Amino acid sequence: EESQALIDRVHEWESGVLRSQQNLNDIVEIFGAAEGEMLLQMLEKEGHSAYKSSGVYTFPNSSFLAIVELVLNNSAASDHLLRTLAESYANSYDDLRFYFYRNVAKIASPDYDPFKRSNNKPGFNGGTRVKLLTEESSVFIKNAFTVMNLIRVTPKKDIMDITDFWVRMPDDVGETEPSVLSPVAHKKAFSEAWLALLRLPLTPDIYKQVLLTMHKRIIPHMADPKSLMDFLSNSYDSGGPTSLLALNGLFTLITEYNLNYPQFYEKLYALLDRNLFHVKFRARFFRLLEVFLESSHLPAYLIAAFAKRISRLALSAPPSGAVIAIPMVYNLLKAHPSCMVLIHRIPGYDPESGEKIAENVDPYMPTESDPAKCMALHSSLWELETLQHHYYPNIATLASILNEPFYKPKFTLEDFLDHTYTTFFESDISRKSKKAAAQATQPPTSFLRPGDALNDFMAY
């Protein structure tokens, strides 16, 4: 009787008769309790009953859609409830995961209307629908992303791998094979759910989390990875930390899916600003930057522009930033010998024209956004020579590598990316001194010395 009452209440909420926040909270509270599996057990019974009456496999998605909407649109849904939905059900059963993705895409669609069967009922006009969507949008985005982020099982690639069903799959499914048995349909459902979610107004925190995992957990399993091009391009063009986080996904599309992205290096060059060495995702950016610039087919002017910009920024960067810039520039010069002129150029002399120029004039234009026009190849890396006089001795020693022949192998950039003031301090205090530090006074040979006030007092 309790099970039937609960199912009746769900269907009443679905039809709009009892659609209220209090009713929603009551149902979700029951769903999250110890006996909350009752709702999903009724799904299994409903699907089995439909098969017995029609002889065709049928997943009761109408009821499941109501459950998904109840949970994802509820601001009172606890983390335990969302984790249970993801780990105990969506991760374990192929059919629940498949229809969960479908339902998320349906609910997130701008055309979705849960009141379409109750438009004539009082209190549920179009204005109420818009108001409800506005109120629930942020809640739905947060809950949907939480559950989807917890689903670790990727779309199956072979029909033989689709074996776990909550609503039991009969031996004879009928003449038409259910879509839940199609690996292509699973991948399509996964893609549609993520695309529908990404079209919604994501909060900054969720936006960053999506970009952080995009290249590993979303792109490889999309039916058409290029469908994410607009989302990643807009993220890349937005500037700031968001652009840095979008690089991974965009680079994956370019290298693995042949995405043609014009002016990629121009926009990458624009990301190099004075805030770069202070952002949280600095290490991630330089890992990618090294990959982007390692190709020997890149023109010399482009490499020179990046080397010059990085060197210029290192002047005002903290030690943890300067310690990245020096090996980065060294590796660029090592991989692109045509840019060695930047450390051999004689001040006041242009080797191309043979003319004398003012020694205190740097032809490099730091405000020019186009690396082809910034005149970096006509300049020199005097900034790195300046770093040889850095107040932190380790930076000065590292910068002096440019005074030696380039026989040293490339630096492993990973060794320099995670330094902070803390790591520098711990390294310095743990270092053992080879000799005693110089002192301005002679060390005392006795407790009391002539001339001390205490010695004169004791003399009396």
Protein backbone atom coordinates (compact mmCIF):
# COMPACT_ATOMS: atom_id res chain seq x y z
CA GLU A 1 0.00 0.00 0.00
CA GLU A 2 2.84 2.41 0.83
CA SER A 3 4.53 1.62 -2.50
CA GLN A 4 1.36 2.24 -4.46
CA ALA A 5 0.69 5.48 -2.57
CA LEU A 6 4.17 6.69 -3.38
CA ILE A 7 3.85 5.80 -7.06
CA ASP A 8 0.47 7.55 -7.21
CA ARG A 9 2.02 10.64 -5.64
CA VAL A 10 4.85 10.64 -8.19
CA HIS A 11 2.40 10.42 -11.07
CA GLU A 12 0.28 13.16 -9.54
CA TRP A 13 3.34 15.38 -9.29
CA GLU A 14 4.29 14.50 -12.85
CA SER A 15 0.84 15.44 -14.13
CA GLY A 16 0.97 18.77 -12.32
CA VAL A 17 -1.83 18.13 -9.84
CA LEU A 18 0.43 18.31 -6.76
CA ARG A 19 3.43 20.06 -8.21
CA SER A 20 4.70 22.00 -5.23
CA GLN A 21 8.02 22.35 -3.46
CA GLN A 22 6.67 20.69 -0.31
CA ASN A 23 5.33 17.70 -2.24
CA LEU A 24 8.61 17.46 -4.14
CA ASN A 25 10.64 17.52 -0.94
CA ASP A 26 8.47 14.78 0.59
CA ILE A 27 8.96 12.46 -2.37
CA VAL A 28 12.70 13.07 -2.64
CA GLU A 29 13.08 12.57 1.12
CA ILE A 30 11.46 9.15 0.77
CA PHE A 31 13.64 8.36 -2.24
CA GLY A 32 16.77 9.13 -0.23
CA ALA A 33 15.75 7.11 2.83
CA ALA A 34 16.71 3.51 3.56
CA GLU A 35 13.58 2.21 1.85
CA GLY A 36 14.00 4.67 -1.01
CA GLU A 37 14.89 1.89 -3.44
CA MET A 38 11.15 1.27 -3.52
CA LEU A 39 10.59 3.73 -6.35
CA LEU A 40 13.15 2.10 -8.60
CA GLN A 41 11.88 -1.35 -7.66
CA MET A 42 8.50 -0.26 -8.93
CA LEU A 43 10.16 0.68 -12.22
CA GLU A 44 11.37 -2.89 -12.58
CA LYS A 45 7.91 -4.25 -11.80
CA GLU A 46 6.30 -1.82 -14.23
CA GLY A 47 8.69 -2.82 -17.02
CA HIS A 48 8.13 -6.53 -16.39
CA SER A 49 4.38 -6.03 -16.38
CA ALA A 50 4.53 -4.15 -19.68
CA TYR A 51 6.51 -6.98 -21.27
CA LYS A 52 4.02 -9.59 -20.06
CA SER A 53 1.10 -7.69 -21.53
CA SER A 54 2.67 -6.72 -24.86
CA GLY A 55 5.51 -9.19 -25.38
CA VAL A 56 7.85 -6.31 -26.18
CA TYR A 57 10.63 -5.00 -23.91
CA THR A 58 9.62 -1.60 -22.55
CA PHE A 59 11.52 0.58 -20.13
CA PRO A 60 9.06 2.69 -18.05
CA ASN A 61 10.86 5.93 -18.79
CA SER A 62 7.84 8.08 -18.04
CA SER A 63 8.11 7.15 -14.37
CA PHE A 64 11.91 7.32 -14.41
CA LEU A 65 11.76 10.78 -15.97
CA ALA A 66 9.56 11.92 -13.07
CA ILE A 67 12.06 10.52 -10.56
CA VAL A 68 15.04 12.16 -12.29
CA GLU A 69 13.25 15.49 -12.50
CA LEU A 70 12.21 15.30 -8.86
CA VAL A 71 15.77 14.73 -7.71
CA LEU A 72 17.62 17.13 -10.00
CA ASN A 73 15.22 20.02 -9.50
CA ASN A 74 15.17 19.72 -5.72
CA SER A 75 17.29 22.24 -3.83
CA ALA A 76 17.09 20.01 -0.73
CA ALA A 77 18.70 17.00 -2.47
CA SER A 78 21.64 15.95 -0.32
CA ASP A 79 25.08 14.95 -1.56
CA HIS A 80 24.37 11.45 -0.29
CA LEU A 81 21.23 11.22 -2.41
CA LEU A 82 23.00 12.42 -5.56
CA ARG A 83 25.95 10.11 -4.94
CA THR A 84 23.60 7.17 -4.40
CA LEU A 85 21.81 7.89 -7.67
CA ALA A 86 25.13 7.98 -9.53
CA GLU A 87 27.14 5.22 -7.88
CA SER A 88 24.49 2.69 -6.87
CA TYR A 89 22.30 2.99 -9.95
CA ALA A 90 23.73 4.87 -12.94
CA ASN A 91 27.21 3.38 -12.58
CA SER A 92 25.86 -0.13 -12.07
CA TYR A 93 23.06 -0.50 -14.62
CA ASP A 94 23.34 0.22 -18.31
CA ASP A 95 19.65 0.94 -18.83
CA LEU A 96 19.37 3.39 -15.91
CA ARG A 97 22.50 5.22 -17.07
CA PHE A 98 21.26 5.33 -20.67
CA TYR A 99 17.84 6.74 -19.79
CA PHE A 100 19.30 9.07 -17.17
CA TYR A 101 21.37 10.75 -19.89
CA ARG A 102 18.34 10.92 -22.16
CA ASN A 103 16.21 12.46 -19.43
CA VAL A 104 18.84 15.05 -18.53
CA ALA A 105 18.97 16.12 -22.18
CA LYS A 106 15.17 16.27 -22.27
CA ILE A 107 14.81 18.30 -19.06
CA ALA A 108 17.59 20.71 -20.11
CA SER A 109 16.00 21.25 -23.50
CA PRO A 110 14.37 24.69 -23.91
CA ASP A 111 11.33 22.97 -25.45
CA TYR A 112 10.73 20.66 -22.51
CA ASP A 113 7.44 21.32 -20.70
CA PRO A 114 6.48 19.09 -17.78
CA PHE A 115 3.05 20.77 -17.73
CA LYS A 116 2.10 19.90 -21.28
CA ARG A 117 -0.56 17.48 -20.01
CA SER A 118 -1.97 20.01 -17.56
CA ASN A 119 -2.02 23.32 -19.39
CA ASN A 120 -5.71 23.71 -18.62
CA LYS A 121 -5.31 23.21 -14.89
CA PRO A 122 -5.50 26.35 -12.78
CA GLY A 123 -2.25 27.81 -11.53
CA PHE A 124 -0.02 26.36 -14.26
CA ASN A 125 -0.03 28.93 -17.02
CA GLY A 126 2.93 29.95 -19.15
CA GLY A 127 4.07 32.59 -16.70
CA THR A 128 4.31 30.05 -13.92
CA ARG A 129 6.32 27.76 -16.20
CA VAL A 130 8.87 30.51 -16.92
CA LYS A 131 9.08 31.45 -13.25
CA LEU A 132 9.61 27.83 -12.22
CA LEU A 133 12.37 27.31 -14.77
CA THR A 134 14.12 30.47 -13.61
CA GLU A 135 14.01 29.37 -10.00
CA GLU A 136 15.07 25.79 -10.66
CA SER A 137 17.69 26.36 -13.35
CA SER A 138 20.68 26.81 -11.05
CA VAL A 139 19.54 23.90 -8.85
CA PHE A 140 19.15 21.60 -11.84
CA ILE A 141 22.57 22.56 -13.24
CA LYS A 142 24.31 21.89 -9.93
CA ASN A 143 22.58 18.57 -9.26
CA ALA A 144 22.81 17.32 -12.84
CA PHE A 145 26.51 18.12 -13.06
CA THR A 146 27.17 16.49 -9.69
CA VAL A 147 25.56 13.22 -10.77
CA MET A 148 27.06 13.23 -14.27
CA ASN A 149 30.50 13.96 -12.85
CA LEU A 150 30.14 10.98 -10.51
CA ILE A 151 29.22 8.59 -13.32
CA ARG A 152 32.54 6.90 -14.06
CA VAL A 153 31.30 4.23 -16.47
CA THR A 154 31.90 5.34 -20.06
CA PRO A 155 29.59 4.45 -22.96
CA LYS A 156 30.10 0.85 -24.00
CA LYS A 157 31.69 0.23 -27.39
CA ASP A 158 30.35 -3.27 -28.00
CA ILE A 159 26.88 -4.73 -27.59
CA MET A 160 28.43 -7.65 -25.72
CA ASP A 161 29.49 -5.22 -22.97
CA ILE A 162 25.92 -4.04 -22.34
CA THR A 163 24.86 -6.70 -19.87
CA ASP A 164 23.63 -5.04 -16.66
CA PHE A 165 19.96 -4.05 -16.55
CA TRP A 166 17.74 -2.81 -13.75
CA VAL A 167 14.61 -3.58 -15.73
CA ARG A 168 15.33 -7.19 -16.69
CA MET A 169 15.98 -7.74 -20.37
CA PRO A 170 13.97 -10.73 -21.65
CA ASP A 171 15.57 -13.39 -23.79
CA ASP A 172 13.20 -12.50 -26.63
CA VAL A 173 13.10 -8.71 -27.04
CA GLY A 174 10.81 -8.80 -30.05
CA GLU A 175 11.34 -7.94 -33.68
CA THR A 176 12.82 -4.48 -32.99
CA GLU A 177 15.99 -4.34 -30.94
CA PRO A 178 15.67 -1.84 -28.06
CA SER A 179 17.87 1.23 -28.36
CA VAL A 180 19.33 0.46 -24.93
CA LEU A 181 21.25 -2.41 -26.57
CA SER A 182 22.93 -0.13 -29.10
CA PRO A 183 26.44 1.18 -28.23
CA VAL A 184 25.88 3.98 -30.72
CA ALA A 185 22.71 5.03 -28.89
CA HIS A 186 24.56 5.03 -25.57
CA LYS A 187 27.25 7.32 -26.94
CA LYS A 188 24.60 9.56 -28.48
CA ALA A 189 22.71 9.80 -25.17
CA PHE A 190 25.96 10.68 -23.38
CA SER A 191 26.71 13.38 -25.97
CA GLU A 192 23.24 14.92 -25.93
CA ALA A 193 23.17 15.10 -22.13
CA TRP A 194 26.51 16.92 -21.91
CA LEU A 195 25.72 19.26 -24.79
CA ALA A 196 22.36 20.13 -23.25
CA LEU A 197 24.00 20.83 -19.89
CA LEU A 198 26.78 22.96 -21.43
CA ARG A 199 24.20 25.17 -23.14
CA LEU A 200 22.82 26.21 -19.75
CA PRO A 201 24.24 29.18 -17.77
CA LEU A 202 26.91 27.34 -15.76
CA THR A 203 28.23 28.83 -12.55
CA PRO A 204 31.95 29.80 -12.63
CA ASP A 205 32.86 26.90 -10.37
CA ILE A 206 31.08 24.28 -12.51
CA TYR A 207 32.45 25.94 -15.66
CA LYS A 208 36.02 25.44 -14.42
CA GLN A 209 35.37 21.86 -13.33
CA VAL A 210 33.97 21.01 -16.76
CA LEU A 211 37.01 22.48 -18.52
CA LEU A 212 39.39 20.67 -16.16
CA THR A 213 38.00 17.24 -17.08
CA MET A 214 36.87 17.95 -20.64
CA HIS A 215 39.85 16.38 -22.44
CA LYS A 216 39.79 13.11 -20.46
CA ARG A 217 36.21 12.40 -19.46
CA ILE A 218 34.01 14.04 -22.07
CA ILE A 219 35.69 14.49 -25.46
CA PRO A 220 36.86 10.85 -25.94
CA HIS A 221 33.30 9.53 -25.46
CA MET A 222 31.36 12.04 -27.56
CA ALA A 223 29.59 10.82 -30.68
CA ASP A 224 30.99 13.87 -32.49
CA PRO A 225 33.75 15.58 -30.47
CA LYS A 226 33.75 18.56 -32.84
CA SER A 227 30.31 19.48 -31.51
CA LEU A 228 32.18 20.92 -28.51
CA MET A 229 34.10 23.31 -30.75
CA ASP A 230 31.87 26.32 -30.09
CA PHE A 231 31.89 25.80 -26.32
CA LEU A 232 35.67 25.47 -26.17
CA SER A 233 36.27 28.30 -28.65
CA ASN A 234 34.10 30.68 -26.65
CA SER A 235 35.86 29.61 -23.46
CA TYR A 236 39.26 30.13 -25.08
CA ASP A 237 38.28 33.58 -26.32
CA SER A 238 36.96 34.72 -22.94
CA GLY A 239 40.46 35.34 -21.54
CA GLY A 240 41.86 34.89 -18.05
CA PRO A 241 41.97 31.54 -16.22
CA THR A 242 39.06 30.25 -18.30
CA SER A 243 41.18 30.46 -21.45
CA LEU A 244 43.99 28.55 -19.77
CA LEU A 245 41.60 25.77 -18.76
CA ALA A 246 40.08 25.58 -22.26
CA LEU A 247 43.49 24.95 -23.82
CA ASN A 248 43.55 21.25 -22.97
CA GLY A 249 40.24 20.47 -24.61
CA LEU A 250 40.91 22.68 -27.61
CA PHE A 251 44.34 21.16 -28.14
CA THR A 252 42.78 17.66 -28.02
CA LEU A 253 40.33 18.62 -30.77
CA ILE A 254 43.11 20.10 -32.89
CA THR A 255 45.58 17.22 -32.60
CA GLU A 256 43.27 14.20 -32.41
CA TYR A 257 40.18 15.29 -34.32
CA ASN A 258 41.71 17.59 -36.98
CA LEU A 259 39.97 20.74 -35.82
CA ASN A 260 41.08 23.75 -37.84
CA TYR A 261 41.34 26.67 -35.43
CA PRO A 262 42.57 29.88 -37.10
CA GLN A 263 44.81 32.31 -35.21
CA PHE A 264 45.49 29.74 -32.49
CA TYR A 265 49.02 30.98 -31.80
CA GLU A 266 47.99 34.63 -31.90
CA LYS A 267 45.45 34.01 -29.14
CA LEU A 268 47.92 31.83 -27.25
CA TYR A 269 50.42 34.69 -27.40
CA ALA A 270 47.77 37.04 -26.00
CA LEU A 271 47.38 34.82 -22.94
CA LEU A 272 50.92 35.66 -21.86
CA ASP A 273 50.31 38.60 -19.54
CA ARG A 274 51.67 39.72 -16.19
CA ASN A 275 49.03 37.72 -14.31
CA LEU A 276 50.13 34.41 -15.83
CA PHE A 277 52.77 33.66 -13.19
CA HIS A 278 50.27 34.24 -10.38
CA VAL A 279 47.31 32.11 -11.47
CA LYS A 280 46.42 28.77 -9.95
CA PHE A 281 46.69 26.86 -13.23
CA ARG A 282 50.14 28.18 -14.16
CA ALA A 283 51.79 24.74 -14.25
CA ARG A 284 49.07 23.31 -16.51
CA PHE A 285 49.51 26.18 -18.97
CA PHE A 286 53.28 25.82 -19.29
CA ARG A 287 53.01 22.08 -19.78
CA LEU A 288 50.76 22.71 -22.75
CA LEU A 289 52.80 25.66 -23.99
CA GLU A 290 55.89 23.48 -24.25
CA VAL A 291 53.92 21.00 -26.36
CA PHE A 292 52.51 23.73 -28.60
CA LEU A 293 55.94 25.22 -29.35
CA GLU A 294 58.02 22.06 -29.77
CA SER A 295 57.29 21.62 -33.49
CA SER A 296 60.31 22.36 -35.69
CA HIS A 297 58.00 23.64 -38.42
CA LEU A 298 57.03 26.79 -36.54
CA PRO A 299 58.55 29.99 -37.97
CA ALA A 300 61.45 31.65 -36.17
CA TYR A 301 59.57 34.91 -35.62
CA LEU A 302 56.87 33.05 -33.67
CA ILE A 303 59.33 31.29 -31.37
CA ALA A 304 61.24 34.54 -30.86
CA ALA A 305 58.00 36.32 -29.91
CA PHE A 306 57.14 33.76 -27.25
CA ALA A 307 60.72 33.66 -25.89
CA LYS A 308 60.82 37.44 -25.69
CA ARG A 309 57.39 37.76 -24.05
CA ILE A 310 58.19 35.09 -21.46
CA SER A 311 61.55 36.73 -20.68
CA ARG A 312 59.93 40.14 -20.29
CA LEU A 313 57.28 38.78 -17.92
CA ALA A 314 59.96 37.02 -15.86
CA LEU A 315 61.37 40.42 -14.80
CA SER A 316 58.28 41.16 -12.70
CA ALA A 317 57.41 37.57 -11.84
CA PRO A 318 57.96 36.02 -8.40
CA PRO A 319 60.92 33.63 -8.09
CA SER A 320 58.59 30.68 -8.63
CA GLY A 321 57.67 32.20 -12.02
CA ALA A 322 61.17 33.20 -13.07
CA VAL A 323 62.42 29.70 -12.36
CA ILE A 324 59.95 28.45 -15.00
CA ALA A 325 60.74 31.13 -17.59
CA ILE A 326 64.49 30.51 -17.80
CA PRO A 327 64.41 26.77 -18.64
CA MET A 328 61.41 27.39 -20.91
CA VAL A 329 63.33 29.93 -22.99
CA TYR A 330 66.46 27.76 -22.94
CA ASN A 331 64.49 24.82 -24.36
CA LEU A 332 63.00 27.03 -27.07
CA LEU A 333 66.42 28.24 -28.18
CA LYS A 334 67.80 24.71 -28.03
CA ALA A 335 64.99 23.38 -30.25
CA HIS A 336 65.06 26.35 -32.66
CA PRO A 337 68.68 27.34 -33.43
CA SER A 338 67.50 30.06 -35.80
CA CYS A 339 66.56 32.09 -32.71
CA MET A 340 70.05 31.94 -31.18
CA VAL A 341 70.61 35.42 -32.56
CA LEU A 342 68.58 36.68 -29.61
CA ILE A 343 71.48 35.98 -27.23
CA HIS A 344 74.32 36.84 -29.65
CA ARG A 345 73.09 40.18 -30.93
CA ILE A 346 75.53 43.04 -30.32
CA PRO A 347 73.89 46.12 -28.72
CA GLY A 348 73.71 49.06 -31.11
CA TYR A 349 74.19 46.98 -34.26
CA ASP A 350 71.70 45.42 -36.67
CA PRO A 351 73.39 42.46 -38.44
CA GLU A 352 70.75 42.34 -41.19
CA SER A 353 71.11 45.95 -42.36
CA GLY A 354 74.63 46.48 -41.05
CA GLU A 355 73.55 49.81 -39.63
CA LYS A 356 74.17 51.20 -36.16
CA ILE A 357 71.16 51.72 -33.95
CA ALA A 358 70.69 53.30 -30.56
CA GLU A 359 72.02 50.99 -27.87
CA ASN A 360 69.29 51.82 -25.37
CA VAL A 361 66.40 51.15 -27.80
CA ASP A 362 64.70 47.75 -27.87
CA PRO A 363 62.84 47.24 -31.18
CA TYR A 364 60.50 44.74 -29.52
CA MET A 365 56.93 46.06 -29.19
CA PRO A 366 55.38 44.50 -26.07
CA THR A 367 51.92 45.93 -26.72
CA GLU A 368 51.66 44.42 -30.21
CA SER A 369 49.17 41.52 -30.15
CA ASP A 370 50.40 39.94 -33.41
CA PRO A 371 53.62 37.94 -32.85
CA ALA A 372 54.51 38.45 -36.51
CA LYS A 373 54.64 42.24 -36.03
CA CYS A 374 56.18 42.59 -32.57
CA MET A 375 59.77 42.69 -33.92
CA ALA A 376 60.96 40.10 -31.39
CA LEU A 377 63.41 38.55 -33.84
CA HIS A 378 65.17 41.93 -34.15
CA SER A 379 65.58 42.24 -30.39
CA SER A 380 67.69 40.42 -27.79
CA LEU A 381 67.06 38.57 -24.55
CA TRP A 382 68.59 41.22 -22.32
CA GLU A 383 65.92 40.36 -19.75
CA LEU A 384 67.60 37.03 -19.02
CA GLU A 385 70.95 38.74 -18.57
CA THR A 386 69.22 41.00 -16.05
CA LEU A 387 67.99 37.91 -14.21
CA GLN A 388 71.63 36.91 -13.74
CA HIS A 389 71.68 39.62 -11.06
CA HIS A 390 68.45 38.47 -9.40
CA TYR A 391 68.16 38.95 -5.65
CA TYR A 392 67.51 35.23 -5.22
CA PRO A 393 70.84 33.44 -5.85
CA ASN A 394 69.24 30.31 -7.32
CA ILE A 395 67.58 32.38 -10.06
CA ALA A 396 70.83 34.19 -10.83
CA THR A 397 72.72 30.89 -11.05
CA LEU A 398 70.07 29.35 -13.30
CA ALA A 399 70.06 32.37 -15.64
CA SER A 400 73.82 32.17 -16.06
CA ILE A 401 73.33 29.00 -18.13
CA LEU A 402 72.83 31.29 -21.14
CA ASN A 403 76.48 32.43 -20.87
CA GLU A 404 77.68 28.90 -21.56
CA PRO A 405 77.71 26.91 -24.82
CA PHE A 406 74.44 25.14 -25.47
CA TYR A 407 75.83 21.67 -24.86
CA LYS A 408 73.55 20.97 -21.93
CA PRO A 409 70.50 18.85 -22.81
CA LYS A 410 67.03 20.31 -22.62
CA PHE A 411 65.66 20.99 -19.18
CA THR A 412 62.89 18.80 -17.89
CA LEU A 413 60.32 21.53 -17.38
CA GLU A 414 58.33 19.42 -14.95
CA ASP A 415 61.10 19.90 -12.37
CA PHE A 416 60.43 23.66 -12.20
CA LEU A 417 56.64 23.94 -12.41
CA ASP A 418 55.57 23.37 -8.81
CA HIS A 419 57.92 25.72 -6.97
CA THR A 420 56.51 28.25 -4.50
CA TYR A 421 57.90 30.50 -1.79
CA THR A 422 57.34 27.59 0.59
CA THR A 423 59.39 25.11 -1.44
CA PHE A 424 62.20 27.65 -1.86
CA PHE A 425 62.24 28.37 1.87
CA GLU A 426 62.25 24.69 2.82
CA SER A 427 65.03 24.00 0.33
CA ASP A 428 67.19 26.82 1.71
CA ILE A 429 66.80 25.96 5.37
CA SER A 430 67.53 22.28 4.73
CA ARG A 431 70.70 23.02 2.78
CA LYS A 432 73.91 22.39 4.70
CA SER A 433 76.48 25.19 4.59
CA LYS A 434 79.93 24.21 3.35
CA LYS A 435 81.61 26.86 5.49
CA ALA A 436 80.68 29.23 8.26
CA ALA A 437 78.95 32.44 7.27
CA ALA A 438 80.96 35.66 7.39
CA GLN A 439 80.38 37.74 10.51
CA ALA A 440 80.91 41.47 11.16
CA THR A 441 82.21 40.96 14.72
CA GLN A 442 84.73 38.69 16.37
CA PRO A 443 83.24 35.71 18.21
CA PRO A 444 83.47 36.14 22.02
CA THR A 445 86.19 34.24 23.92
CA SER A 446 84.76 34.80 27.39
CA PHE A 447 81.45 35.57 29.08
CA LEU A 448 82.62 39.07 30.14
CA ARG A 449 84.76 41.25 27.91
CA PRO A 450 86.58 44.49 28.72
CA GLY A 451 84.46 47.50 27.90
CA ASP A 452 81.13 45.80 28.50
CA ALA A 453 78.82 47.52 31.00
CA LEU A 454 78.30 44.27 32.83
CA ASN A 455 82.08 43.75 33.16
CA ASP A 456 82.54 47.25 34.66
CA PHE A 457 79.68 46.62 37.10
CA MET A 458 81.12 43.31 38.24
CA ALA A 459 84.54 44.91 38.75
CA TYR A 460 83.08 46.89 41.65
